[in-house]
Amino acid sequence: MMFWLENATQAVNRFMDMGGNVLWLIAVLLFFMWMLIFERIWFFKLNWKHEVARVIGDWEARPERRSWAAHRVREKLVSEARLQINQNLSVIKTLVALCPLLGLLGTVTGMIEVFNIMAVTGGGDAKSMAGGVSRATIPTMAGMVAALSGVFGNTYVQRIAQRESELLADNLTTDH
């Protein structure tokens, strides 16, 4: 077991070294983004049911539900619940958008290395230039992969948030 873990750690370190410092920034961003996505999923799986029960209980405890004031109270309850539902969703969306931008930053820094090598060697060392081009393309790929994974996670969480918001609004009936 330890041998496998050691090999995996070495492979990750080699990959990170090939991509440069920007790749570490993308990795931290990716970790933070998925931490927020999993937080939202756990919120819906564990805490949301209790919050729905509380909101419906507050609404059902009202003696009347047809007046203008009752409708405003209903809107307030739904709005407060939507704030909880949508918490961190805009941060996740922003992190998804940042991933490819950081990948492009890695591309630019890698190309700067290529141009530096060309300036130092006179442009004749193709092997050194290939290493710089490789260093430029790896962060781009990593940024795109991170963004794609975040798009899927964000879409999943957004879909749950939309469904739960609509279900809550439907459960706060005004018919009695």
C-alpha atoms as a PDB file:
ATOM      1  CA  MET A   1       0.000   0.000   0.000  1.00  0.00           C
ATOM      2  CA  MET A   2       2.753   2.438   0.893  1.00  0.00           C
ATOM      3  CA  PHE A   3       4.635   1.614  -2.324  1.00  0.00           C
ATOM      4  CA  TRP A   4       1.597   2.568  -4.410  1.00  0.00           C
ATOM      5  CA  LEU A   5       1.141   5.814  -2.485  1.00  0.00           C
ATOM      6  CA  GLU A   6       4.822   6.689  -2.861  1.00  0.00           C
ATOM      7  CA  ASN A   7       4.682   6.068  -6.625  1.00  0.00           C
ATOM      8  CA  ALA A   8       1.555   8.184  -6.959  1.00  0.00           C
ATOM      9  CA  THR A   9       3.152  11.009  -4.987  1.00  0.00           C
ATOM     10  CA  GLN A  10       6.258  10.902  -7.172  1.00  0.00           C
ATOM     11  CA  ALA A  11       4.149  10.958 -10.352  1.00  0.00           C
ATOM     12  CA  VAL A  12       2.167  13.960  -9.131  1.00  0.00           C
ATOM     13  CA  ASN A  13       5.366  15.787  -8.159  1.00  0.00           C
ATOM     14  CA  ARG A  14       6.906  15.113 -11.593  1.00  0.00           C
ATOM     15  CA  PHE A  15       3.765  16.390 -13.306  1.00  0.00           C
ATOM     16  CA  MET A  16       3.700  19.506 -11.134  1.00  0.00           C
ATOM     17  CA  ASP A  17       7.369  20.178 -11.848  1.00  0.00           C
ATOM     18  CA  MET A  18       6.739  19.839 -15.589  1.00  0.00           C
ATOM     19  CA  GLY A  19       3.973  22.442 -15.434  1.00  0.00           C
ATOM     20  CA  GLY A  20       5.682  25.037 -13.304  1.00  0.00           C
ATOM     21  CA  ASN A  21       4.466  27.116 -10.379  1.00  0.00           C
ATOM     22  CA  VAL A  22       1.169  28.055 -12.032  1.00  0.00           C
ATOM     23  CA  LEU A  23       0.157  24.408 -11.884  1.00  0.00           C
ATOM     24  CA  TRP A  24       0.312  24.526  -8.082  1.00  0.00           C
ATOM     25  CA  LEU A  25      -1.999  27.533  -8.143  1.00  0.00           C
ATOM     26  CA  ILE A  26      -4.443  25.644 -10.374  1.00  0.00           C
ATOM     27  CA  ALA A  27      -4.280  22.668  -7.986  1.00  0.00           C
ATOM     28  CA  VAL A  28      -5.099  24.858  -4.977  1.00  0.00           C
ATOM     29  CA  LEU A  29      -7.942  26.512  -6.891  1.00  0.00           C
ATOM     30  CA  LEU A  30      -9.285  23.117  -7.953  1.00  0.00           C
ATOM     31  CA  PHE A  31      -9.159  21.807  -4.395  1.00  0.00           C
ATOM     32  CA  PHE A  32     -10.982  24.865  -3.058  1.00  0.00           C
ATOM     33  CA  MET A  33     -13.598  24.693  -5.841  1.00  0.00           C
ATOM     34  CA  TRP A  34     -14.391  21.036  -5.197  1.00  0.00           C
ATOM     35  CA  MET A  35     -14.433  21.620  -1.466  1.00  0.00           C
ATOM     36  CA  LEU A  36     -17.211  24.172  -2.027  1.00  0.00           C
ATOM     37  CA  ILE A  37     -19.077  21.848  -4.407  1.00  0.00           C
ATOM     38  CA  PHE A  38     -18.972  19.004  -1.881  1.00  0.00           C
ATOM     39  CA  GLU A  39     -20.075  21.410   0.862  1.00  0.00           C
ATOM     40  CA  ARG A  40     -23.175  22.267  -1.165  1.00  0.00           C
ATOM     41  CA  ILE A  41     -23.925  18.599  -1.844  1.00  0.00           C
ATOM     42  CA  TRP A  42     -23.590  17.758   1.847  1.00  0.00           C
ATOM     43  CA  PHE A  43     -25.786  20.726   2.724  1.00  0.00           C
ATOM     44  CA  PHE A  44     -28.560  19.400   0.490  1.00  0.00           C
ATOM     45  CA  LYS A  45     -28.149  15.829   1.729  1.00  0.00           C
ATOM     46  CA  LEU A  46     -27.939  16.592   5.460  1.00  0.00           C
ATOM     47  CA  ASN A  47     -29.152  20.058   6.479  1.00  0.00           C
ATOM     48  CA  TRP A  48     -31.641  21.103   3.832  1.00  0.00           C
ATOM     49  CA  LYS A  49     -34.449  18.787   5.002  1.00  0.00           C
ATOM     50  CA  HIS A  50     -34.377  20.345   8.463  1.00  0.00           C
ATOM     51  CA  GLU A  51     -34.466  23.850   6.984  1.00  0.00           C
ATOM     52  CA  VAL A  52     -37.430  22.955   4.747  1.00  0.00           C
ATOM     53  CA  ALA A  53     -39.294  21.520   7.748  1.00  0.00           C
ATOM     54  CA  ARG A  54     -38.612  24.716   9.719  1.00  0.00           C
ATOM     55  CA  VAL A  55     -39.790  27.009   6.920  1.00  0.00           C
ATOM     56  CA  ILE A  56     -42.926  24.958   6.256  1.00  0.00           C
ATOM     57  CA  GLY A  57     -43.599  24.832   9.998  1.00  0.00           C
ATOM     58  CA  ASP A  58     -43.306  28.628  10.240  1.00  0.00           C
ATOM     59  CA  TRP A  59     -45.671  29.021   7.302  1.00  0.00           C
ATOM     60  CA  GLU A  60     -48.197  26.460   8.556  1.00  0.00           C
ATOM     61  CA  ALA A  61     -48.207  28.087  12.003  1.00  0.00           C
ATOM     62  CA  ARG A  62     -49.723  31.245  10.500  1.00  0.00           C
ATOM     63  CA  PRO A  63     -53.472  31.492  11.184  1.00  0.00           C
ATOM     64  CA  GLU A  64     -54.213  33.050   7.791  1.00  0.00           C
ATOM     65  CA  ARG A  65     -52.377  32.720   4.478  1.00  0.00           C
ATOM     66  CA  ARG A  66     -54.426  34.702   1.956  1.00  0.00           C
ATOM     67  CA  SER A  67     -53.818  38.350   2.816  1.00  0.00           C
ATOM     68  CA  TRP A  68     -51.290  40.679   1.230  1.00  0.00           C
ATOM     69  CA  ALA A  69     -49.181  40.530   4.416  1.00  0.00           C
ATOM     70  CA  ALA A  70     -49.235  36.718   4.364  1.00  0.00           C
ATOM     71  CA  HIS A  71     -47.982  36.706   0.798  1.00  0.00           C
ATOM     72  CA  ARG A  72     -45.121  39.025   1.782  1.00  0.00           C
ATOM     73  CA  VAL A  73     -44.228  36.692   4.666  1.00  0.00           C
ATOM     74  CA  ARG A  74     -44.251  33.775   2.214  1.00  0.00           C
ATOM     75  CA  GLU A  75     -41.960  35.688  -0.150  1.00  0.00           C
ATOM     76  CA  LYS A  76     -39.648  36.459   2.759  1.00  0.00           C
ATOM     77  CA  LEU A  77     -39.461  32.800   3.814  1.00  0.00           C
ATOM     78  CA  VAL A  78     -38.763  31.650   0.251  1.00  0.00           C
ATOM     79  CA  SER A  79     -36.189  34.399  -0.256  1.00  0.00           C
ATOM     80  CA  GLU A  80     -34.311  33.537   2.936  1.00  0.00           C
ATOM     81  CA  ALA A  81     -34.303  29.860   1.980  1.00  0.00           C
ATOM     82  CA  ARG A  82     -33.001  30.721  -1.508  1.00  0.00           C
ATOM     83  CA  LEU A  83     -30.135  32.640   0.085  1.00  0.00           C
ATOM     84  CA  GLN A  84     -29.130  29.472   1.915  1.00  0.00           C
ATOM     85  CA  ILE A  85     -29.609  27.341  -1.193  1.00  0.00           C
ATOM     86  CA  ASN A  86     -27.482  29.611  -3.392  1.00  0.00           C
ATOM     87  CA  GLN A  87     -24.718  30.178  -0.856  1.00  0.00           C
ATOM     88  CA  ASN A  88     -21.268  29.810  -2.500  1.00  0.00           C
ATOM     89  CA  LEU A  89     -22.705  29.052  -5.957  1.00  0.00           C
ATOM     90  CA  SER A  90     -21.369  32.307  -7.376  1.00  0.00           C
ATOM     91  CA  VAL A  91     -17.947  31.588  -5.843  1.00  0.00           C
ATOM     92  CA  ILE A  92     -17.931  28.155  -7.494  1.00  0.00           C
ATOM     93  CA  LYS A  93     -18.860  29.712 -10.835  1.00  0.00           C
ATOM     94  CA  THR A  94     -16.055  32.263 -10.467  1.00  0.00           C
ATOM     95  CA  LEU A  95     -13.511  29.555  -9.646  1.00  0.00           C
ATOM     96  CA  VAL A  96     -14.599  27.587 -12.714  1.00  0.00           C
ATOM     97  CA  ALA A  97     -13.990  30.683 -14.837  1.00  0.00           C
ATOM     98  CA  LEU A  98     -10.571  31.278 -13.261  1.00  0.00           C
ATOM     99  CA  CYS A  99      -9.191  27.812 -14.034  1.00  0.00           C
ATOM    100  CA  PRO A 100      -8.636  28.322 -17.787  1.00  0.00           C
ATOM    101  CA  LEU A 101      -7.320  31.821 -17.163  1.00  0.00           C
ATOM    102  CA  LEU A 102      -4.661  30.445 -14.853  1.00  0.00           C
ATOM    103  CA  GLY A 103      -3.886  27.819 -17.484  1.00  0.00           C
ATOM    104  CA  LEU A 104      -3.290  30.626 -19.962  1.00  0.00           C
ATOM    105  CA  LEU A 105      -1.040  32.322 -17.437  1.00  0.00           C
ATOM    106  CA  GLY A 106       0.996  29.115 -17.343  1.00  0.00           C
ATOM    107  CA  THR A 107       1.133  29.169 -21.132  1.00  0.00           C
ATOM    108  CA  VAL A 108       2.492  32.695 -21.139  1.00  0.00           C
ATOM    109  CA  THR A 109       5.123  31.948 -18.503  1.00  0.00           C
ATOM    110  CA  GLY A 110       6.176  28.801 -20.392  1.00  0.00           C
ATOM    111  CA  MET A 111       6.490  30.719 -23.639  1.00  0.00           C
ATOM    112  CA  ILE A 112       8.584  33.350 -21.884  1.00  0.00           C
ATOM    113  CA  GLU A 113      10.972  30.538 -20.954  1.00  0.00           C
ATOM    114  CA  VAL A 114      11.056  29.414 -24.595  1.00  0.00           C
ATOM    115  CA  PHE A 115      11.887  32.916 -25.775  1.00  0.00           C
ATOM    116  CA  ASN A 116      14.526  33.234 -23.056  1.00  0.00           C
ATOM    117  CA  ILE A 117      16.152  29.984 -24.196  1.00  0.00           C
ATOM    118  CA  MET A 118      16.033  31.189 -27.791  1.00  0.00           C
ATOM    119  CA  ALA A 119      17.715  34.438 -26.774  1.00  0.00           C
ATOM    120  CA  VAL A 120      20.439  32.693 -24.786  1.00  0.00           C
ATOM    121  CA  THR A 121      21.177  29.878 -27.241  1.00  0.00           C
ATOM    122  CA  GLY A 122      20.562  31.795 -30.432  1.00  0.00           C
ATOM    123  CA  GLY A 123      17.455  29.783 -31.287  1.00  0.00           C
ATOM    124  CA  GLY A 124      19.251  26.616 -32.370  1.00  0.00           C
ATOM    125  CA  ASP A 125      18.557  24.337 -29.396  1.00  0.00           C
ATOM    126  CA  ALA A 126      15.290  22.601 -30.320  1.00  0.00           C
ATOM    127  CA  LYS A 127      15.459  20.264 -27.312  1.00  0.00           C
ATOM    128  CA  SER A 128      15.481  23.152 -24.830  1.00  0.00           C
ATOM    129  CA  MET A 129      12.700  24.920 -26.691  1.00  0.00           C
ATOM    130  CA  ALA A 130      10.568  21.752 -26.653  1.00  0.00           C
ATOM    131  CA  GLY A 131      10.871  21.614 -22.868  1.00  0.00           C
ATOM    132  CA  GLY A 132       9.608  25.179 -22.616  1.00  0.00           C
ATOM    133  CA  VAL A 133       6.712  24.480 -24.992  1.00  0.00           C
ATOM    134  CA  SER A 134       5.818  21.445 -22.899  1.00  0.00           C
ATOM    135  CA  ARG A 135       5.959  23.580 -19.781  1.00  0.00           C
ATOM    136  CA  ALA A 136       3.623  26.024 -21.541  1.00  0.00           C
ATOM    137  CA  THR A 137       0.995  23.501 -22.645  1.00  0.00           C
ATOM    138  CA  ILE A 138       0.651  21.466 -19.439  1.00  0.00           C
ATOM    139  CA  PRO A 139      -0.892  24.316 -17.377  1.00  0.00           C
ATOM    140  CA  THR A 140      -3.291  25.058 -20.235  1.00  0.00           C
ATOM    141  CA  MET A 141      -4.453  21.458 -20.256  1.00  0.00           C
ATOM    142  CA  ALA A 142      -4.691  21.368 -16.460  1.00  0.00           C
ATOM    143  CA  GLY A 143      -6.711  24.594 -16.381  1.00  0.00           C
ATOM    144  CA  MET A 144      -9.137  23.277 -18.981  1.00  0.00           C
ATOM    145  CA  VAL A 145      -9.557  19.926 -17.229  1.00  0.00           C
ATOM    146  CA  ALA A 146     -10.124  21.690 -13.907  1.00  0.00           C
ATOM    147  CA  ALA A 147     -12.691  24.001 -15.499  1.00  0.00           C
ATOM    148  CA  LEU A 148     -14.518  21.101 -17.163  1.00  0.00           C
ATOM    149  CA  SER A 149     -14.744  19.163 -13.925  1.00  0.00           C
ATOM    150  CA  GLY A 150     -15.988  22.301 -12.188  1.00  0.00           C
ATOM    151  CA  VAL A 151     -18.615  22.880 -14.874  1.00  0.00           C
ATOM    152  CA  PHE A 152     -20.037  19.417 -14.273  1.00  0.00           C
ATOM    153  CA  GLY A 153     -20.009  19.845 -10.493  1.00  0.00           C
ATOM    154  CA  ASN A 154     -21.456  23.335 -10.678  1.00  0.00           C
ATOM    155  CA  THR A 155     -24.216  22.234 -13.055  1.00  0.00           C
ATOM    156  CA  TYR A 156     -25.156  19.390 -10.734  1.00  0.00           C
ATOM    157  CA  VAL A 157     -25.326  21.658  -7.682  1.00  0.00           C
ATOM    158  CA  GLN A 158     -27.185  24.412  -9.588  1.00  0.00           C
ATOM    159  CA  ARG A 159     -29.777  21.883 -10.755  1.00  0.00           C
ATOM    160  CA  ILE A 160     -30.336  20.672  -7.196  1.00  0.00           C
ATOM    161  CA  ALA A 161     -30.593  24.264  -5.942  1.00  0.00           C
ATOM    162  CA  GLN A 162     -33.170  25.175  -8.587  1.00  0.00           C
ATOM    163  CA  ARG A 163     -35.256  22.062  -7.926  1.00  0.00           C
ATOM    164  CA  GLU A 164     -35.222  22.507  -4.147  1.00  0.00           C
ATOM    165  CA  SER A 165     -36.098  26.187  -4.428  1.00  0.00           C
ATOM    166  CA  GLU A 166     -39.107  25.413  -6.612  1.00  0.00           C
ATOM    167  CA  LEU A 167     -40.224  22.566  -4.361  1.00  0.00           C
ATOM    168  CA  LEU A 168     -40.089  24.792  -1.312  1.00  0.00           C
ATOM    169  CA  ALA A 169     -42.125  27.524  -3.001  1.00  0.00           C
ATOM    170  CA  ASP A 170     -44.679  24.916  -4.099  1.00  0.00           C
ATOM    171  CA  ASN A 171     -44.997  23.573  -0.541  1.00  0.00           C
ATOM    172  CA  LEU A 172     -45.889  26.948   0.936  1.00  0.00           C
ATOM    173  CA  THR A 173     -49.521  26.827  -0.131  1.00  0.00           C
ATOM    174  CA  THR A 174     -52.056  29.608   0.386  1.00  0.00           C
ATOM    175  CA  ASP A 175     -55.187  27.470   0.019  1.00  0.00           C
ATOM    176  CA  HIS A 176     -56.193  27.200   3.693  1.00  0.00           C
END
